[in-house]
Amino acid sequence: MRPIMPLAYWVDDLSPFLIRFHGNFGIRWYGLCYVFGFIAGAWLLYRYARAGRSLVPPSAIPDLMTAAVVGVIVGGRLGSYFLYDGWRTFFSDPLQIFRVWDSGMASHGGMLGVAVALAWYARKRRVSFFHLGDIITSAAPPGLCFVRLANFVNGELWGHVTSVRWAVIFPRSMPEGTPLALIPPRHPSQFYEAGLEGVFLFVYLQLRFWKSDVVRAHPGRLAGEFFILYALVRICSEQFREPDAGISLILGLSRGIFYSLFLIVAGLWLWIRPARPLSMVVRP
């Protein structure tokens, strides 16, 4: 804790590294949180299979997770580069797209990447694409939560200036060398997103998955609910989050809000589309 008049606020000066070997090379919390999210998702998929609520048997889960991981990483990186104006620096810095540690990942791009990966997997394994969407989206919130916590550790994606008692001082929100006394406290919007995108969605989707027959009776609907709710909580969180520096608005909306509108449309379509109930016979 460092005193800032008239109140004392926490200073987010945490190290992004668990272990730093040299310079910018080391084991980062950001990467570890992705690993934790993938492990949590795989554990849930195994639980679904063993309970007879998934058409993906335990023996096929490693292949499904590999496809999902590739979709998240490739889609998230390409999304960050193309959806958030990174492409504008292509001629001056063509290698930027490969520097994940500089400009990170985009959640909307990651979702699109996973959708492509699931389409490939569904065709390969001859399993319902919509069923895959249901089980993957219901297993995604832990990863979303971990990544938002990593954003806080990195001191990035901070919120608007505020005087609430739980505000946090983010040194990176001001030019390097700015005295702490001149850095205004801000909403820890990363925690808001971790709670809404992670904890809230996890509880809701798990209750729907285990306490209802929606996955069998209407494949795709649970994925639709995920898209709608994710978009709504993301729009809510964006009200507290400072727009990314140097990223232009679209129709007066932040990129996070604008892209979330498409998720609502996709989610509504998945929710209302006619669907045949699945025969929950798991192939070995």
C-alpha atoms as a PDB file:
ATOM      1  CA  MET A   1       0.000   0.000   0.000  1.00  0.00           C
ATOM      2  CA  ARG A   2       1.299   3.444  -0.887  1.00  0.00           C
ATOM      3  CA  PRO A   3      -0.382   6.546   0.509  1.00  0.00           C
ATOM      4  CA  ILE A   4      -2.028   8.881  -2.004  1.00  0.00           C
ATOM      5  CA  MET A   5      -3.775  11.929  -0.618  1.00  0.00           C
ATOM      6  CA  PRO A   6      -6.463  12.056   0.562  1.00  0.00           C
ATOM      7  CA  LEU A   7      -6.916   8.261   0.516  1.00  0.00           C
ATOM      8  CA  ALA A   8      -4.577   5.287   0.256  1.00  0.00           C
ATOM      9  CA  TYR A   9      -4.950   3.096  -2.822  1.00  0.00           C
ATOM     10  CA  TRP A  10      -3.349  -0.135  -3.882  1.00  0.00           C
ATOM     11  CA  VAL A  11      -0.632   0.314  -6.509  1.00  0.00           C
ATOM     12  CA  ASP A  12      -0.661  -2.336  -9.214  1.00  0.00           C
ATOM     13  CA  ASP A  13       3.085  -2.802  -9.562  1.00  0.00           C
ATOM     14  CA  LEU A  14       3.010  -6.613  -9.658  1.00  0.00           C
ATOM     15  CA  SER A  15       5.554  -8.422 -11.791  1.00  0.00           C
ATOM     16  CA  PRO A  16       4.110 -10.049 -14.927  1.00  0.00           C
ATOM     17  CA  PHE A  17       6.675 -12.844 -14.522  1.00  0.00           C
ATOM     18  CA  LEU A  18       6.541 -15.868 -12.287  1.00  0.00           C
ATOM     19  CA  ILE A  19      10.159 -16.448 -13.309  1.00  0.00           C
ATOM     20  CA  ARG A  20      12.189 -14.004 -15.406  1.00  0.00           C
ATOM     21  CA  PHE A  21      15.244 -15.487 -17.101  1.00  0.00           C
ATOM     22  CA  HIS A  22      16.491 -12.431 -18.980  1.00  0.00           C
ATOM     23  CA  GLY A  23      14.935  -9.209 -20.245  1.00  0.00           C
ATOM     24  CA  ASN A  24      11.448  -9.989 -21.569  1.00  0.00           C
ATOM     25  CA  PHE A  25      12.090 -13.727 -21.596  1.00  0.00           C
ATOM     26  CA  GLY A  26      10.578 -15.798 -18.813  1.00  0.00           C
ATOM     27  CA  ILE A  27       7.487 -17.572 -17.532  1.00  0.00           C
ATOM     28  CA  ARG A  28       4.650 -15.036 -17.475  1.00  0.00           C
ATOM     29  CA  TRP A  29       1.474 -15.177 -15.436  1.00  0.00           C
ATOM     30  CA  TYR A  30      -0.465 -14.281 -18.588  1.00  0.00           C
ATOM     31  CA  GLY A  31       0.621 -17.447 -20.364  1.00  0.00           C
ATOM     32  CA  LEU A  32       0.156 -19.557 -17.247  1.00  0.00           C
ATOM     33  CA  CYS A  33      -3.428 -18.333 -16.892  1.00  0.00           C
ATOM     34  CA  TYR A  34      -4.183 -19.598 -20.379  1.00  0.00           C
ATOM     35  CA  VAL A  35      -2.736 -22.956 -19.363  1.00  0.00           C
ATOM     36  CA  PHE A  36      -4.868 -22.984 -16.191  1.00  0.00           C
ATOM     37  CA  GLY A  37      -7.938 -22.185 -18.279  1.00  0.00           C
ATOM     38  CA  PHE A  38      -7.248 -25.010 -20.726  1.00  0.00           C
ATOM     39  CA  ILE A  39      -6.717 -27.463 -17.867  1.00  0.00           C
ATOM     40  CA  ALA A  40      -9.980 -26.419 -16.216  1.00  0.00           C
ATOM     41  CA  GLY A  41     -11.823 -26.734 -19.524  1.00  0.00           C
ATOM     42  CA  ALA A  42     -10.410 -30.207 -20.182  1.00  0.00           C
ATOM     43  CA  TRP A  43     -11.386 -31.331 -16.670  1.00  0.00           C
ATOM     44  CA  LEU A  44     -14.970 -30.215 -17.275  1.00  0.00           C
ATOM     45  CA  LEU A  45     -15.096 -32.015 -20.629  1.00  0.00           C
ATOM     46  CA  TYR A  46     -13.989 -35.226 -18.933  1.00  0.00           C
ATOM     47  CA  ARG A  47     -16.708 -34.768 -16.323  1.00  0.00           C
ATOM     48  CA  TYR A  48     -19.320 -34.307 -19.042  1.00  0.00           C
ATOM     49  CA  ALA A  49     -18.183 -37.454 -20.848  1.00  0.00           C
ATOM     50  CA  ARG A  50     -18.120 -39.623 -17.737  1.00  0.00           C
ATOM     51  CA  ALA A  51     -21.611 -38.427 -16.801  1.00  0.00           C
ATOM     52  CA  GLY A  52     -22.963 -39.388 -20.234  1.00  0.00           C
ATOM     53  CA  ARG A  53     -23.794 -35.795 -21.136  1.00  0.00           C
ATOM     54  CA  SER A  54     -21.312 -35.424 -23.982  1.00  0.00           C
ATOM     55  CA  LEU A  55     -20.955 -37.074 -27.379  1.00  0.00           C
ATOM     56  CA  VAL A  56     -17.193 -36.678 -27.111  1.00  0.00           C
ATOM     57  CA  PRO A  57     -15.725 -39.710 -25.305  1.00  0.00           C
ATOM     58  CA  PRO A  58     -12.771 -39.312 -22.938  1.00  0.00           C
ATOM     59  CA  SER A  59     -10.394 -40.797 -25.528  1.00  0.00           C
ATOM     60  CA  ALA A  60     -11.259 -38.017 -28.015  1.00  0.00           C
ATOM     61  CA  ILE A  61     -10.988 -35.086 -25.599  1.00  0.00           C
ATOM     62  CA  PRO A  62      -7.241 -34.506 -26.166  1.00  0.00           C
ATOM     63  CA  ASP A  63      -7.904 -33.974 -29.891  1.00  0.00           C
ATOM     64  CA  LEU A  64     -10.817 -31.647 -29.132  1.00  0.00           C
ATOM     65  CA  MET A  65      -8.740 -29.636 -26.662  1.00  0.00           C
ATOM     66  CA  THR A  66      -5.868 -29.395 -29.146  1.00  0.00           C
ATOM     67  CA  ALA A  67      -8.259 -27.964 -31.745  1.00  0.00           C
ATOM     68  CA  ALA A  68      -9.715 -25.536 -29.190  1.00  0.00           C
ATOM     69  CA  VAL A  69      -6.290 -24.391 -28.006  1.00  0.00           C
ATOM     70  CA  VAL A  70      -5.143 -23.714 -31.574  1.00  0.00           C
ATOM     71  CA  GLY A  71      -8.383 -21.853 -32.240  1.00  0.00           C
ATOM     72  CA  VAL A  72      -7.981 -19.684 -29.151  1.00  0.00           C
ATOM     73  CA  ILE A  73      -4.337 -18.811 -29.795  1.00  0.00           C
ATOM     74  CA  VAL A  74      -4.533 -18.239 -33.554  1.00  0.00           C
ATOM     75  CA  GLY A  75      -7.941 -16.574 -33.463  1.00  0.00           C
ATOM     76  CA  GLY A  76      -7.110 -14.477 -30.424  1.00  0.00           C
ATOM     77  CA  ARG A  77      -3.859 -13.236 -31.908  1.00  0.00           C
ATOM     78  CA  LEU A  78      -5.279 -12.519 -35.353  1.00  0.00           C
ATOM     79  CA  GLY A  79      -8.258 -10.847 -33.694  1.00  0.00           C
ATOM     80  CA  SER A  80      -5.998  -8.589 -31.656  1.00  0.00           C
ATOM     81  CA  TYR A  81      -4.032  -7.680 -34.781  1.00  0.00           C
ATOM     82  CA  PHE A  82      -6.896  -7.086 -37.204  1.00  0.00           C
ATOM     83  CA  LEU A  83      -9.809  -6.068 -34.961  1.00  0.00           C
ATOM     84  CA  TYR A  84      -7.781  -3.614 -32.878  1.00  0.00           C
ATOM     85  CA  ASP A  85      -5.812  -1.780 -35.583  1.00  0.00           C
ATOM     86  CA  GLY A  86      -2.513  -3.614 -35.155  1.00  0.00           C
ATOM     87  CA  TRP A  87      -2.472  -4.154 -38.928  1.00  0.00           C
ATOM     88  CA  ARG A  88      -1.941  -0.434 -39.459  1.00  0.00           C
ATOM     89  CA  THR A  89       1.708  -0.865 -38.431  1.00  0.00           C
ATOM     90  CA  PHE A  90       2.354  -3.723 -40.849  1.00  0.00           C
ATOM     91  CA  PHE A  91       4.688  -1.804 -43.181  1.00  0.00           C
ATOM     92  CA  SER A  92       6.666  -0.204 -40.347  1.00  0.00           C
ATOM     93  CA  ASP A  93       6.664  -3.268 -38.069  1.00  0.00           C
ATOM     94  CA  PRO A  94       5.627  -6.438 -39.977  1.00  0.00           C
ATOM     95  CA  LEU A  95       6.710  -8.749 -37.140  1.00  0.00           C
ATOM     96  CA  GLN A  96       4.349  -7.239 -34.581  1.00  0.00           C
ATOM     97  CA  ILE A  97       1.744  -9.927 -35.206  1.00  0.00           C
ATOM     98  CA  PHE A  98       4.119 -12.509 -33.727  1.00  0.00           C
ATOM     99  CA  ARG A  99       4.847 -10.538 -30.526  1.00  0.00           C
ATOM    100  CA  VAL A 100       2.015 -11.829 -28.365  1.00  0.00           C
ATOM    101  CA  TRP A 101       3.618 -10.329 -25.257  1.00  0.00           C
ATOM    102  CA  ASP A 102       3.282  -6.795 -26.680  1.00  0.00           C
ATOM    103  CA  SER A 103      -0.361  -6.490 -27.687  1.00  0.00           C
ATOM    104  CA  GLY A 104      -1.860  -9.731 -26.455  1.00  0.00           C
ATOM    105  CA  MET A 105      -5.033 -11.464 -27.562  1.00  0.00           C
ATOM    106  CA  ALA A 106      -8.616 -10.518 -28.407  1.00  0.00           C
ATOM    107  CA  SER A 107     -11.443 -12.517 -26.849  1.00  0.00           C
ATOM    108  CA  HIS A 108     -13.797 -12.001 -29.799  1.00  0.00           C
ATOM    109  CA  GLY A 109     -11.117 -13.225 -32.183  1.00  0.00           C
ATOM    110  CA  GLY A 110     -10.482 -16.217 -29.951  1.00  0.00           C
ATOM    111  CA  MET A 111     -14.173 -17.157 -30.086  1.00  0.00           C
ATOM    112  CA  LEU A 112     -14.164 -16.967 -33.869  1.00  0.00           C
ATOM    113  CA  GLY A 113     -11.021 -19.088 -33.969  1.00  0.00           C
ATOM    114  CA  VAL A 114     -12.598 -21.722 -31.726  1.00  0.00           C
ATOM    115  CA  ALA A 115     -15.723 -21.778 -33.926  1.00  0.00           C
ATOM    116  CA  VAL A 116     -13.563 -22.561 -36.969  1.00  0.00           C
ATOM    117  CA  ALA A 117     -11.658 -25.220 -35.013  1.00  0.00           C
ATOM    118  CA  LEU A 118     -14.911 -26.842 -33.847  1.00  0.00           C
ATOM    119  CA  ALA A 119     -16.269 -26.891 -37.403  1.00  0.00           C
ATOM    120  CA  TRP A 120     -13.152 -28.786 -38.474  1.00  0.00           C
ATOM    121  CA  TYR A 121     -13.384 -31.169 -35.518  1.00  0.00           C
ATOM    122  CA  ALA A 122     -17.122 -31.786 -36.044  1.00  0.00           C
ATOM    123  CA  ARG A 123     -16.511 -32.784 -39.647  1.00  0.00           C
ATOM    124  CA  LYS A 124     -13.564 -34.993 -38.748  1.00  0.00           C
ATOM    125  CA  ARG A 125     -15.338 -36.816 -35.895  1.00  0.00           C
ATOM    126  CA  ARG A 126     -18.851 -36.637 -37.384  1.00  0.00           C
ATOM    127  CA  VAL A 127     -20.323 -35.109 -34.266  1.00  0.00           C
ATOM    128  CA  SER A 128     -22.805 -32.224 -34.024  1.00  0.00           C
ATOM    129  CA  PHE A 129     -21.109 -28.837 -34.371  1.00  0.00           C
ATOM    130  CA  PHE A 130     -23.789 -27.287 -32.171  1.00  0.00           C
ATOM    131  CA  HIS A 131     -23.260 -29.891 -29.458  1.00  0.00           C
ATOM    132  CA  LEU A 132     -19.549 -29.139 -29.499  1.00  0.00           C
ATOM    133  CA  GLY A 133     -20.393 -25.453 -29.133  1.00  0.00           C
ATOM    134  CA  ASP A 134     -22.507 -26.201 -26.066  1.00  0.00           C
ATOM    135  CA  ILE A 135     -19.868 -28.182 -24.211  1.00  0.00           C
ATOM    136  CA  ILE A 136     -16.969 -25.909 -25.137  1.00  0.00           C
ATOM    137  CA  THR A 137     -18.697 -22.629 -24.234  1.00  0.00           C
ATOM    138  CA  SER A 138     -19.886 -24.063 -20.922  1.00  0.00           C
ATOM    139  CA  ALA A 139     -16.267 -24.971 -20.131  1.00  0.00           C
ATOM    140  CA  ALA A 140     -14.817 -21.612 -21.207  1.00  0.00           C
ATOM    141  CA  PRO A 141     -15.591 -19.250 -18.247  1.00  0.00           C
ATOM    142  CA  PRO A 142     -12.748 -20.435 -15.969  1.00  0.00           C
ATOM    143  CA  GLY A 143     -10.277 -19.496 -18.700  1.00  0.00           C
ATOM    144  CA  LEU A 144     -11.921 -16.106 -19.150  1.00  0.00           C
ATOM    145  CA  CYS A 145     -11.639 -15.501 -15.416  1.00  0.00           C
ATOM    146  CA  PHE A 146      -7.963 -16.481 -15.236  1.00  0.00           C
ATOM    147  CA  VAL A 147      -7.019 -14.285 -18.204  1.00  0.00           C
ATOM    148  CA  ARG A 148      -8.741 -11.230 -16.717  1.00  0.00           C
ATOM    149  CA  LEU A 149      -6.819 -11.766 -13.497  1.00  0.00           C
ATOM    150  CA  ALA A 150      -3.653 -11.911 -15.588  1.00  0.00           C
ATOM    151  CA  ASN A 151      -4.642  -8.573 -17.144  1.00  0.00           C
ATOM    152  CA  PHE A 152      -4.642  -7.124 -13.633  1.00  0.00           C
ATOM    153  CA  VAL A 153      -1.239  -8.598 -12.858  1.00  0.00           C
ATOM    154  CA  ASN A 154       0.054  -7.036 -16.091  1.00  0.00           C
ATOM    155  CA  GLY A 155      -1.401  -3.670 -15.090  1.00  0.00           C
ATOM    156  CA  GLU A 156      -3.317  -3.378 -18.382  1.00  0.00           C
ATOM    157  CA  LEU A 157      -6.894  -2.798 -19.544  1.00  0.00           C
ATOM    158  CA  TRP A 158      -7.541  -0.520 -16.565  1.00  0.00           C
ATOM    159  CA  GLY A 159     -10.770   1.295 -15.829  1.00  0.00           C
ATOM    160  CA  HIS A 160     -11.917   4.908 -15.739  1.00  0.00           C
ATOM    161  CA  VAL A 161     -10.623   7.326 -13.135  1.00  0.00           C
ATOM    162  CA  THR A 162     -12.652   7.046  -9.937  1.00  0.00           C
ATOM    163  CA  SER A 163     -12.569   7.756  -6.217  1.00  0.00           C
ATOM    164  CA  VAL A 164     -14.262   4.558  -4.997  1.00  0.00           C
ATOM    165  CA  ARG A 165     -12.533   2.986  -2.013  1.00  0.00           C
ATOM    166  CA  TRP A 166     -11.474  -0.108  -3.951  1.00  0.00           C
ATOM    167  CA  ALA A 167      -9.832   1.920  -6.727  1.00  0.00           C
ATOM    168  CA  VAL A 168      -6.333   0.970  -7.873  1.00  0.00           C
ATOM    169  CA  ILE A 169      -3.405   3.006  -9.136  1.00  0.00           C
ATOM    170  CA  PHE A 170      -2.045   1.655 -12.421  1.00  0.00           C
ATOM    171  CA  PRO A 171       1.400   3.157 -13.087  1.00  0.00           C
ATOM    172  CA  ARG A 172       1.208   2.111 -16.745  1.00  0.00           C
ATOM    173  CA  SER A 173      -1.847   4.314 -17.228  1.00  0.00           C
ATOM    174  CA  MET A 174       0.468   7.361 -17.254  1.00  0.00           C
ATOM    175  CA  PRO A 175       3.760   8.118 -19.040  1.00  0.00           C
ATOM    176  CA  GLU A 176       6.778   6.378 -17.534  1.00  0.00           C
ATOM    177  CA  GLY A 177       8.369   8.405 -14.748  1.00  0.00           C
ATOM    178  CA  THR A 178       5.138  10.088 -13.622  1.00  0.00           C
ATOM    179  CA  PRO A 179       5.197  10.441  -9.798  1.00  0.00           C
ATOM    180  CA  LEU A 180       2.698   8.180  -8.054  1.00  0.00           C
ATOM    181  CA  ALA A 181       1.111  11.186  -6.382  1.00  0.00           C
ATOM    182  CA  LEU A 182       0.065  12.416  -9.844  1.00  0.00           C
ATOM    183  CA  ILE A 183      -1.393   9.113 -11.058  1.00  0.00           C
ATOM    184  CA  PRO A 184      -5.178   9.019 -10.532  1.00  0.00           C
ATOM    185  CA  PRO A 185      -6.810   5.879  -9.124  1.00  0.00           C
ATOM    186  CA  ARG A 186      -8.996   3.873 -11.473  1.00  0.00           C
ATOM    187  CA  HIS A 187     -11.644   1.176 -11.461  1.00  0.00           C
ATOM    188  CA  PRO A 188     -10.028  -2.295 -11.356  1.00  0.00           C
ATOM    189  CA  SER A 189     -12.176  -3.241 -14.333  1.00  0.00           C
ATOM    190  CA  GLN A 190     -10.199  -6.457 -14.779  1.00  0.00           C
ATOM    191  CA  PHE A 191     -11.804  -7.768 -11.571  1.00  0.00           C
ATOM    192  CA  TYR A 192     -15.255  -6.736 -12.766  1.00  0.00           C
ATOM    193  CA  GLU A 193     -14.699  -8.694 -15.967  1.00  0.00           C
ATOM    194  CA  ALA A 194     -13.260 -11.684 -14.111  1.00  0.00           C
ATOM    195  CA  GLY A 195     -16.345 -11.782 -11.907  1.00  0.00           C
ATOM    196  CA  LEU A 196     -18.874 -11.333 -14.706  1.00  0.00           C
ATOM    197  CA  GLU A 197     -17.250 -13.161 -17.622  1.00  0.00           C
ATOM    198  CA  GLY A 198     -15.738 -15.818 -15.398  1.00  0.00           C
ATOM    199  CA  VAL A 199     -17.560 -16.513 -12.152  1.00  0.00           C
ATOM    200  CA  PHE A 200     -21.086 -15.431 -13.137  1.00  0.00           C
ATOM    201  CA  LEU A 201     -21.061 -17.185 -16.515  1.00  0.00           C
ATOM    202  CA  PHE A 202     -19.510 -20.300 -14.996  1.00  0.00           C
ATOM    203  CA  VAL A 203     -22.217 -20.612 -12.343  1.00  0.00           C
ATOM    204  CA  TYR A 204     -25.032 -19.929 -14.807  1.00  0.00           C
ATOM    205  CA  LEU A 205     -23.809 -22.275 -17.531  1.00  0.00           C
ATOM    206  CA  GLN A 206     -23.005 -25.100 -15.120  1.00  0.00           C
ATOM    207  CA  LEU A 207     -26.464 -24.866 -13.576  1.00  0.00           C
ATOM    208  CA  ARG A 208     -28.036 -24.938 -17.030  1.00  0.00           C
ATOM    209  CA  PHE A 209     -25.828 -27.829 -18.101  1.00  0.00           C
ATOM    210  CA  TRP A 210     -26.449 -30.055 -15.088  1.00  0.00           C
ATOM    211  CA  LYS A 211     -29.949 -28.989 -13.973  1.00  0.00           C
ATOM    212  CA  SER A 212     -31.678 -29.002 -17.358  1.00  0.00           C
ATOM    213  CA  ASP A 213     -31.875 -31.105 -20.507  1.00  0.00           C
ATOM    214  CA  VAL A 214     -30.974 -28.226 -22.818  1.00  0.00           C
ATOM    215  CA  VAL A 215     -27.777 -29.785 -24.224  1.00  0.00           C
ATOM    216  CA  ARG A 216     -29.626 -32.881 -25.425  1.00  0.00           C
ATOM    217  CA  ALA A 217     -33.003 -31.350 -26.265  1.00  0.00           C
ATOM    218  CA  HIS A 218     -31.835 -28.249 -28.127  1.00  0.00           C
ATOM    219  CA  PRO A 219     -28.191 -28.455 -29.281  1.00  0.00           C
ATOM    220  CA  GLY A 220     -26.706 -25.006 -29.769  1.00  0.00           C
ATOM    221  CA  ARG A 221     -29.001 -23.173 -27.376  1.00  0.00           C
ATOM    222  CA  LEU A 222     -26.564 -23.213 -24.457  1.00  0.00           C
ATOM    223  CA  ALA A 223     -23.854 -21.793 -26.723  1.00  0.00           C
ATOM    224  CA  GLY A 224     -26.342 -19.113 -27.759  1.00  0.00           C
ATOM    225  CA  GLU A 225     -26.989 -18.241 -24.141  1.00  0.00           C
ATOM    226  CA  PHE A 226     -23.251 -17.985 -23.590  1.00  0.00           C
ATOM    227  CA  PHE A 227     -22.845 -15.547 -26.496  1.00  0.00           C
ATOM    228  CA  ILE A 228     -25.756 -13.384 -25.352  1.00  0.00           C
ATOM    229  CA  LEU A 229     -24.709 -13.272 -21.713  1.00  0.00           C
ATOM    230  CA  TYR A 230     -21.032 -12.763 -22.521  1.00  0.00           C
ATOM    231  CA  ALA A 231     -21.930  -9.856 -24.779  1.00  0.00           C
ATOM    232  CA  LEU A 232     -24.161  -8.283 -22.128  1.00  0.00           C
ATOM    233  CA  VAL A 233     -21.648  -8.568 -19.293  1.00  0.00           C
ATOM    234  CA  ARG A 234     -18.854  -7.357 -21.608  1.00  0.00           C
ATOM    235  CA  ILE A 235     -20.944  -4.305 -22.525  1.00  0.00           C
ATOM    236  CA  CYS A 236     -21.578  -3.712 -18.817  1.00  0.00           C
ATOM    237  CA  SER A 237     -17.879  -4.007 -17.971  1.00  0.00           C
ATOM    238  CA  GLU A 238     -16.944  -1.651 -20.796  1.00  0.00           C
ATOM    239  CA  GLN A 239     -18.820   1.126 -18.984  1.00  0.00           C
ATOM    240  CA  PHE A 240     -16.052   1.078 -16.369  1.00  0.00           C
ATOM    241  CA  ARG A 241     -13.124   0.331 -18.668  1.00  0.00           C
ATOM    242  CA  GLU A 242     -10.931   2.961 -20.270  1.00  0.00           C
ATOM    243  CA  PRO A 243     -10.945   2.585 -24.076  1.00  0.00           C
ATOM    244  CA  ASP A 244      -7.687   1.223 -25.437  1.00  0.00           C
ATOM    245  CA  ALA A 245      -5.248   4.031 -26.195  1.00  0.00           C
ATOM    246  CA  GLY A 246      -4.858   4.717 -29.893  1.00  0.00           C
ATOM    247  CA  ILE A 247      -7.825   2.501 -30.833  1.00  0.00           C
ATOM    248  CA  SER A 248     -10.574   4.427 -32.596  1.00  0.00           C
ATOM    249  CA  LEU A 249     -14.247   4.016 -31.754  1.00  0.00           C
ATOM    250  CA  ILE A 250     -16.752   2.511 -34.182  1.00  0.00           C
ATOM    251  CA  LEU A 251     -20.045   4.409 -34.413  1.00  0.00           C
ATOM    252  CA  GLY A 252     -19.139   5.962 -31.086  1.00  0.00           C
ATOM    253  CA  LEU A 253     -18.743   2.564 -29.434  1.00  0.00           C
ATOM    254  CA  SER A 254     -15.634   0.916 -28.044  1.00  0.00           C
ATOM    255  CA  ARG A 255     -14.389  -2.085 -29.988  1.00  0.00           C
ATOM    256  CA  GLY A 256     -15.425  -4.407 -27.152  1.00  0.00           C
ATOM    257  CA  ILE A 257     -19.014  -3.173 -27.260  1.00  0.00           C
ATOM    258  CA  PHE A 258     -19.233  -3.055 -31.054  1.00  0.00           C
ATOM    259  CA  TYR A 259     -18.014  -6.619 -31.583  1.00  0.00           C
ATOM    260  CA  SER A 260     -20.235  -7.871 -28.758  1.00  0.00           C
ATOM    261  CA  LEU A 261     -23.303  -6.773 -30.724  1.00  0.00           C
ATOM    262  CA  PHE A 262     -22.509  -9.462 -33.295  1.00  0.00           C
ATOM    263  CA  LEU A 263     -22.356 -12.039 -30.505  1.00  0.00           C
ATOM    264  CA  ILE A 264     -25.868 -11.082 -29.447  1.00  0.00           C
ATOM    265  CA  VAL A 265     -27.142 -11.619 -32.990  1.00  0.00           C
ATOM    266  CA  ALA A 266     -25.368 -14.990 -33.230  1.00  0.00           C
ATOM    267  CA  GLY A 267     -26.609 -15.990 -29.789  1.00  0.00           C
ATOM    268  CA  LEU A 268     -30.225 -15.140 -30.580  1.00  0.00           C
ATOM    269  CA  TRP A 269     -30.036 -17.172 -33.771  1.00  0.00           C
ATOM    270  CA  LEU A 270     -28.657 -20.168 -31.885  1.00  0.00           C
ATOM    271  CA  TRP A 271     -31.326 -19.782 -29.220  1.00  0.00           C
ATOM    272  CA  ILE A 272     -34.363 -19.665 -31.559  1.00  0.00           C
ATOM    273  CA  ARG A 273     -33.222 -21.949 -34.381  1.00  0.00           C
ATOM    274  CA  PRO A 274     -35.139 -25.211 -34.753  1.00  0.00           C
ATOM    275  CA  ALA A 275     -33.099 -28.172 -33.557  1.00  0.00           C
ATOM    276  CA  ARG A 276     -33.552 -31.895 -33.275  1.00  0.00           C
ATOM    277  CA  PRO A 277     -32.866 -33.531 -29.915  1.00  0.00           C
ATOM    278  CA  LEU A 278     -29.671 -35.524 -29.748  1.00  0.00           C
ATOM    279  CA  SER A 279     -29.396 -39.200 -29.063  1.00  0.00           C
ATOM    280  CA  MET A 280     -26.790 -39.180 -26.305  1.00  0.00           C
ATOM    281  CA  VAL A 281     -24.992 -42.310 -27.420  1.00  0.00           C
ATOM    282  CA  VAL A 282     -21.291 -41.788 -26.976  1.00  0.00           C
ATOM    283  CA  ARG A 283     -19.046 -43.336 -29.612  1.00  0.00           C
ATOM    284  CA  PRO A 284     -15.823 -44.891 -28.325  1.00  0.00           C
END
